[in-house]
Amino acid sequence: MIKVGLYSAEFFARHGYYKEEQILGNRFLVTIEATFNPQHPAINDDLEKTLNYEALCEVAHENMKYPQKLLETVAQGMADAIMQQFPYINHLQVEVKKLNPPLKGQVAASGVTVYVDNN
């Protein structure tokens, strides 16, 4: 089994429940981890025989373009798109963090994680 990850990819987006969040926008971090059994016994430095983390980044990028009220919706949309594109993934974890959320007090980030078990 192999695990491929994209860690703390940063995006500016307009996700948020409140209108002010949608107007002002915020910075978000996306982490994606996926495990799979190689379809070919020997990868031999061939990108086509593994899960390309650049493709994971592209899915994240596309999903961050469209404002949503809830981070749950954002993370689940990414998970659904990844599983559709790479159905051979066994386990998938998609985490979306909002940096400096508009809460009382100093909060570094809020976040949501979606888990998919495809066994």
N, C-alpha and C. Protein backbone atom coordinates (compact mmCIF):
# COMPACT_ATOMS: atom_id res chain seq x y z
N MET A 1 0.84 -1.17 0.00
CA MET A 1 0.00 0.00 0.00
C MET A 1 0.89 1.24 0.00
N ILE A 2 0.45 2.26 -0.71
CA ILE A 2 1.18 3.52 -0.82
C ILE A 2 0.27 4.65 -0.33
N LYS A 3 0.86 5.62 0.38
CA LYS A 3 0.13 6.83 0.77
C LYS A 3 0.72 8.01 0.03
N VAL A 4 -0.14 8.79 -0.60
CA VAL A 4 0.26 10.00 -1.30
C VAL A 4 -0.44 11.17 -0.61
N GLY A 5 0.29 12.25 -0.41
CA GLY A 5 -0.30 13.38 0.29
C GLY A 5 0.01 14.72 -0.32
N LEU A 6 -0.90 15.64 -0.08
CA LEU A 6 -0.75 17.05 -0.41
C LEU A 6 -0.97 17.78 0.90
N TYR A 7 0.02 18.50 1.40
CA TYR A 7 -0.03 19.03 2.74
C TYR A 7 -0.05 20.56 2.78
N SER A 8 -1.07 21.09 3.42
CA SER A 8 -1.20 22.53 3.67
C SER A 8 -1.09 23.37 2.40
N ALA A 9 -1.76 22.94 1.35
CA ALA A 9 -1.84 23.75 0.13
C ALA A 9 -2.69 24.98 0.47
N GLU A 10 -2.16 26.16 0.21
CA GLU A 10 -2.85 27.39 0.63
C GLU A 10 -3.63 28.01 -0.53
N PHE A 11 -4.86 28.45 -0.20
CA PHE A 11 -5.75 29.05 -1.18
C PHE A 11 -6.43 30.27 -0.56
N PHE A 12 -6.76 31.23 -1.37
CA PHE A 12 -7.65 32.32 -0.97
C PHE A 12 -9.01 31.97 -1.54
N ALA A 13 -10.04 32.05 -0.69
CA ALA A 13 -11.39 31.72 -1.16
C ALA A 13 -12.41 32.50 -0.34
N ARG A 14 -13.64 32.41 -0.76
CA ARG A 14 -14.72 33.17 -0.12
C ARG A 14 -15.74 32.25 0.56
N HIS A 15 -15.28 31.18 1.17
CA HIS A 15 -16.17 30.28 1.90
C HIS A 15 -16.50 30.89 3.25
N GLY A 16 -17.74 30.70 3.67
CA GLY A 16 -18.13 31.17 5.00
C GLY A 16 -19.63 31.28 5.12
N TYR A 17 -20.10 31.09 6.31
CA TYR A 17 -21.53 31.14 6.57
C TYR A 17 -22.06 32.57 6.53
N TYR A 18 -21.23 33.50 6.98
CA TYR A 18 -21.67 34.88 7.07
C TYR A 18 -21.31 35.67 5.81
N LYS A 19 -22.19 36.60 5.46
CA LYS A 19 -22.03 37.40 4.24
C LYS A 19 -20.67 38.10 4.21
N GLU A 20 -20.21 38.59 5.37
CA GLU A 20 -18.92 39.30 5.44
C GLU A 20 -17.78 38.38 5.01
N GLU A 21 -17.86 37.10 5.40
CA GLU A 21 -16.81 36.14 5.02
C GLU A 21 -16.81 35.94 3.51
N GLN A 22 -17.99 35.92 2.93
CA GLN A 22 -18.10 35.72 1.49
C GLN A 22 -17.62 36.93 0.71
N ILE A 23 -17.77 38.10 1.30
CA ILE A 23 -17.31 39.33 0.64
C ILE A 23 -15.79 39.50 0.79
N LEU A 24 -15.30 39.39 2.03
CA LEU A 24 -13.88 39.62 2.30
C LEU A 24 -12.98 38.47 1.90
N GLY A 25 -13.48 37.24 2.04
CA GLY A 25 -12.65 36.07 1.76
C GLY A 25 -11.67 35.81 2.88
N ASN A 26 -10.92 34.72 2.74
CA ASN A 26 -9.98 34.31 3.76
C ASN A 26 -8.97 33.36 3.14
N ARG A 27 -7.94 33.02 3.93
CA ARG A 27 -6.96 32.03 3.50
C ARG A 27 -7.34 30.68 4.09
N PHE A 28 -7.13 29.64 3.30
CA PHE A 28 -7.47 28.28 3.69
C PHE A 28 -6.29 27.36 3.41
N LEU A 29 -6.17 26.32 4.22
CA LEU A 29 -5.18 25.28 4.01
C LEU A 29 -5.91 23.97 3.72
N VAL A 30 -5.43 23.25 2.71
CA VAL A 30 -6.03 21.96 2.34
C VAL A 30 -4.95 20.89 2.44
N THR A 31 -5.30 19.82 3.15
CA THR A 31 -4.44 18.64 3.24
C THR A 31 -5.23 17.44 2.76
N ILE A 32 -4.63 16.69 1.86
CA ILE A 32 -5.26 15.49 1.31
C ILE A 32 -4.28 14.33 1.45
N GLU A 33 -4.75 13.23 2.02
CA GLU A 33 -3.97 12.00 2.07
C GLU A 33 -4.80 10.87 1.49
N ALA A 34 -4.17 10.08 0.63
CA ALA A 34 -4.87 8.96 0.00
C ALA A 34 -3.96 7.74 0.00
N THR A 35 -4.54 6.58 0.30
CA THR A 35 -3.78 5.34 0.23
C THR A 35 -4.40 4.46 -0.86
N PHE A 36 -3.52 3.68 -1.50
CA PHE A 36 -3.98 2.79 -2.56
C PHE A 36 -2.99 1.66 -2.72
N ASN A 37 -3.45 0.58 -3.30
CA ASN A 37 -2.59 -0.53 -3.69
C ASN A 37 -2.17 -0.29 -5.13
N PRO A 38 -0.87 -0.28 -5.40
CA PRO A 38 -0.42 -0.02 -6.77
C PRO A 38 -1.06 -0.98 -7.76
N GLN A 39 -1.50 -0.45 -8.88
CA GLN A 39 -2.09 -1.28 -9.93
C GLN A 39 -1.03 -2.08 -10.66
N HIS A 40 0.21 -1.63 -10.55
CA HIS A 40 1.33 -2.31 -11.19
C HIS A 40 2.35 -2.62 -10.11
N PRO A 41 2.89 -3.83 -10.09
CA PRO A 41 3.83 -4.19 -9.03
C PRO A 41 5.07 -3.31 -8.98
N ALA A 42 5.53 -2.86 -10.12
CA ALA A 42 6.73 -2.01 -10.16
C ALA A 42 6.34 -0.66 -10.75
N ILE A 43 6.47 0.38 -9.95
CA ILE A 43 6.14 1.72 -10.44
C ILE A 43 7.22 2.22 -11.38
N ASN A 44 8.48 1.91 -11.09
CA ASN A 44 9.61 2.24 -11.96
C ASN A 44 9.63 3.68 -12.44
N ASP A 45 9.38 4.61 -11.53
CA ASP A 45 9.47 6.03 -11.85
C ASP A 45 8.47 6.47 -12.92
N ASP A 46 7.34 5.77 -13.01
CA ASP A 46 6.32 6.08 -14.02
C ASP A 46 5.13 6.74 -13.32
N LEU A 47 4.89 8.00 -13.60
CA LEU A 47 3.82 8.77 -12.97
C LEU A 47 2.45 8.16 -13.24
N GLU A 48 2.27 7.51 -14.36
CA GLU A 48 0.99 6.91 -14.70
C GLU A 48 0.66 5.69 -13.83
N LYS A 49 1.63 5.19 -13.09
CA LYS A 49 1.41 3.99 -12.26
C LYS A 49 1.23 4.32 -10.79
N THR A 50 1.02 5.60 -10.48
CA THR A 50 0.83 6.01 -9.10
C THR A 50 -0.29 7.04 -9.04
N LEU A 51 -0.53 7.58 -7.86
CA LEU A 51 -1.50 8.66 -7.68
C LEU A 51 -0.73 9.97 -7.70
N ASN A 52 -1.02 10.80 -8.66
CA ASN A 52 -0.29 12.03 -8.89
C ASN A 52 -0.80 13.12 -7.94
N TYR A 53 0.05 13.59 -7.03
CA TYR A 53 -0.40 14.63 -6.09
C TYR A 53 -0.68 15.95 -6.79
N GLU A 54 -0.15 16.14 -7.98
CA GLU A 54 -0.50 17.34 -8.76
C GLU A 54 -1.99 17.30 -9.13
N ALA A 55 -2.50 16.12 -9.43
CA ALA A 55 -3.92 15.97 -9.73
C ALA A 55 -4.77 16.26 -8.49
N LEU A 56 -4.29 15.86 -7.31
CA LEU A 56 -5.00 16.16 -6.07
C LEU A 56 -5.06 17.67 -5.86
N CYS A 57 -3.97 18.35 -6.14
CA CYS A 57 -3.91 19.80 -6.00
C CYS A 57 -4.88 20.48 -6.97
N GLU A 58 -4.98 19.95 -8.16
CA GLU A 58 -5.91 20.52 -9.16
C GLU A 58 -7.36 20.38 -8.69
N VAL A 59 -7.71 19.23 -8.11
CA VAL A 59 -9.06 19.05 -7.57
C VAL A 59 -9.32 20.08 -6.46
N ALA A 60 -8.36 20.25 -5.57
CA ALA A 60 -8.52 21.23 -4.50
C ALA A 60 -8.69 22.63 -5.08
N HIS A 61 -7.85 22.97 -6.03
CA HIS A 61 -7.91 24.29 -6.66
C HIS A 61 -9.28 24.55 -7.28
N GLU A 62 -9.80 23.59 -8.00
CA GLU A 62 -11.11 23.74 -8.65
C GLU A 62 -12.22 23.91 -7.63
N ASN A 63 -12.18 23.13 -6.56
CA ASN A 63 -13.23 23.19 -5.54
C ASN A 63 -13.17 24.47 -4.72
N MET A 64 -12.01 25.05 -4.56
CA MET A 64 -11.88 26.28 -3.78
C MET A 64 -12.40 27.49 -4.55
N LYS A 65 -12.60 27.37 -5.84
CA LYS A 65 -13.09 28.49 -6.65
C LYS A 65 -14.54 28.86 -6.36
N TYR A 66 -15.33 27.90 -5.90
CA TYR A 66 -16.77 28.08 -5.77
C TYR A 66 -17.17 28.24 -4.31
N PRO A 67 -17.57 29.46 -3.91
CA PRO A 67 -17.89 29.72 -2.51
C PRO A 67 -18.99 28.80 -1.97
N GLN A 68 -18.75 28.31 -0.77
CA GLN A 68 -19.72 27.49 -0.05
C GLN A 68 -19.87 28.08 1.34
N LYS A 69 -20.99 27.84 1.97
CA LYS A 69 -21.21 28.34 3.32
C LYS A 69 -20.46 27.50 4.35
N LEU A 70 -20.40 26.19 4.15
CA LEU A 70 -19.82 25.29 5.14
C LEU A 70 -18.55 24.62 4.64
N LEU A 71 -17.56 24.52 5.52
CA LEU A 71 -16.33 23.80 5.17
C LEU A 71 -16.62 22.32 4.92
N GLU A 72 -17.64 21.79 5.58
CA GLU A 72 -18.04 20.40 5.34
C GLU A 72 -18.39 20.18 3.87
N THR A 73 -19.08 21.14 3.28
CA THR A 73 -19.46 21.06 1.87
C THR A 73 -18.23 21.11 0.97
N VAL A 74 -17.29 21.97 1.31
CA VAL A 74 -16.05 22.12 0.53
C VAL A 74 -15.26 20.81 0.57
N ALA A 75 -15.02 20.29 1.78
CA ALA A 75 -14.22 19.07 1.94
C ALA A 75 -14.90 17.87 1.28
N GLN A 76 -16.22 17.75 1.45
CA GLN A 76 -16.92 16.62 0.85
C GLN A 76 -16.90 16.71 -0.68
N GLY A 77 -17.01 17.90 -1.22
CA GLY A 77 -16.93 18.08 -2.67
C GLY A 77 -15.58 17.64 -3.22
N MET A 78 -14.51 17.98 -2.50
CA MET A 78 -13.18 17.53 -2.91
C MET A 78 -13.08 16.01 -2.83
N ALA A 79 -13.56 15.44 -1.73
CA ALA A 79 -13.50 13.98 -1.56
C ALA A 79 -14.27 13.27 -2.67
N ASP A 80 -15.45 13.76 -2.99
CA ASP A 80 -16.26 13.14 -4.05
C ASP A 80 -15.56 13.22 -5.39
N ALA A 81 -14.98 14.38 -5.71
CA ALA A 81 -14.29 14.55 -6.99
C ALA A 81 -13.06 13.64 -7.08
N ILE A 82 -12.32 13.52 -5.97
CA ILE A 82 -11.13 12.67 -5.97
C ILE A 82 -11.52 11.20 -6.15
N MET A 83 -12.55 10.76 -5.44
CA MET A 83 -12.96 9.35 -5.55
C MET A 83 -13.52 9.04 -6.94
N GLN A 84 -14.16 10.01 -7.56
CA GLN A 84 -14.66 9.81 -8.92
C GLN A 84 -13.50 9.68 -9.91
N GLN A 85 -12.47 10.48 -9.73
CA GLN A 85 -11.33 10.47 -10.64
C GLN A 85 -10.39 9.28 -10.37
N PHE A 86 -10.30 8.87 -9.11
CA PHE A 86 -9.37 7.80 -8.71
C PHE A 86 -10.11 6.74 -7.88
N PRO A 87 -10.96 5.95 -8.51
CA PRO A 87 -11.79 5.00 -7.75
C PRO A 87 -11.00 3.89 -7.07
N TYR A 88 -9.74 3.74 -7.40
CA TYR A 88 -8.91 2.69 -6.79
C TYR A 88 -8.35 3.10 -5.42
N ILE A 89 -8.63 4.32 -4.96
CA ILE A 89 -8.17 4.74 -3.64
C ILE A 89 -8.88 3.92 -2.56
N ASN A 90 -8.10 3.43 -1.60
CA ASN A 90 -8.67 2.66 -0.49
C ASN A 90 -9.17 3.56 0.64
N HIS A 91 -8.33 4.52 1.03
CA HIS A 91 -8.66 5.43 2.13
C HIS A 91 -8.31 6.85 1.69
N LEU A 92 -9.20 7.77 2.03
CA LEU A 92 -9.00 9.16 1.65
C LEU A 92 -9.33 10.04 2.85
N GLN A 93 -8.50 11.05 3.04
CA GLN A 93 -8.74 12.03 4.10
C GLN A 93 -8.54 13.41 3.49
N VAL A 94 -9.56 14.26 3.61
CA VAL A 94 -9.50 15.62 3.09
C VAL A 94 -9.77 16.58 4.25
N GLU A 95 -8.80 17.44 4.52
CA GLU A 95 -8.93 18.42 5.60
C GLU A 95 -8.89 19.82 5.02
N VAL A 96 -9.84 20.65 5.43
CA VAL A 96 -9.87 22.05 5.02
C VAL A 96 -9.86 22.90 6.28
N LYS A 97 -8.87 23.79 6.38
CA LYS A 97 -8.75 24.69 7.53
C LYS A 97 -8.93 26.14 7.07
N LYS A 98 -9.68 26.88 7.85
CA LYS A 98 -9.83 28.32 7.63
C LYS A 98 -8.89 29.02 8.59
N LEU A 99 -7.95 29.80 8.07
CA LEU A 99 -7.00 30.51 8.92
C LEU A 99 -7.65 31.76 9.51
N ASN A 100 -7.34 32.01 10.76
CA ASN A 100 -7.86 33.20 11.46
C ASN A 100 -9.37 33.37 11.27
N PRO A 101 -10.15 32.38 11.67
CA PRO A 101 -11.60 32.50 11.50
C PRO A 101 -12.17 33.64 12.34
N PRO A 102 -13.27 34.23 11.90
CA PRO A 102 -13.84 35.38 12.62
C PRO A 102 -14.56 34.93 13.90
N LEU A 103 -13.80 34.58 14.90
CA LEU A 103 -14.34 34.14 16.19
C LEU A 103 -13.85 35.07 17.28
N LYS A 104 -14.49 35.01 18.43
CA LYS A 104 -14.02 35.81 19.57
C LYS A 104 -12.71 35.24 20.06
N GLY A 105 -11.76 36.11 20.30
CA GLY A 105 -10.45 35.66 20.76
C GLY A 105 -9.55 35.30 19.60
N GLN A 106 -8.34 34.91 19.94
CA GLN A 106 -7.32 34.55 18.95
C GLN A 106 -7.44 33.06 18.63
N VAL A 107 -7.84 32.73 17.42
CA VAL A 107 -7.96 31.33 16.97
C VAL A 107 -7.14 31.20 15.69
N ALA A 108 -6.15 30.31 15.71
CA ALA A 108 -5.27 30.14 14.55
C ALA A 108 -6.03 29.60 13.34
N ALA A 109 -6.89 28.61 13.56
CA ALA A 109 -7.61 28.00 12.44
C ALA A 109 -8.80 27.21 12.96
N SER A 110 -9.78 27.08 12.10
CA SER A 110 -10.88 26.13 12.33
C SER A 110 -10.82 25.16 11.16
N GLY A 111 -11.43 24.00 11.31
CA GLY A 111 -11.30 23.06 10.20
C GLY A 111 -12.29 21.91 10.25
N VAL A 112 -12.34 21.22 9.13
CA VAL A 112 -13.19 20.05 8.95
C VAL A 112 -12.38 19.00 8.22
N THR A 113 -12.56 17.74 8.62
CA THR A 113 -11.92 16.63 7.93
C THR A 113 -12.97 15.62 7.51
N VAL A 114 -12.90 15.21 6.24
CA VAL A 114 -13.79 14.18 5.70
C VAL A 114 -12.95 12.92 5.48
N TYR A 115 -13.46 11.78 5.93
CA TYR A 115 -12.80 10.50 5.76
C TYR A 115 -13.63 9.62 4.84
N VAL A 116 -12.96 8.94 3.91
CA VAL A 116 -13.63 7.99 3.02
C VAL A 116 -12.88 6.67 3.12
N ASP A 117 -13.62 5.61 3.41
CA ASP A 117 -13.05 4.26 3.45
C ASP A 117 -13.70 3.47 2.32
N ASN A 118 -12.94 3.13 1.32
CA ASN A 118 -13.45 2.51 0.10
C ASN A 118 -13.14 1.01 0.07
N ASN A 119 -13.21 0.36 1.21
CA ASN A 119 -12.96 -1.10 1.25
C ASN A 119 -14.24 -1.88 1.29
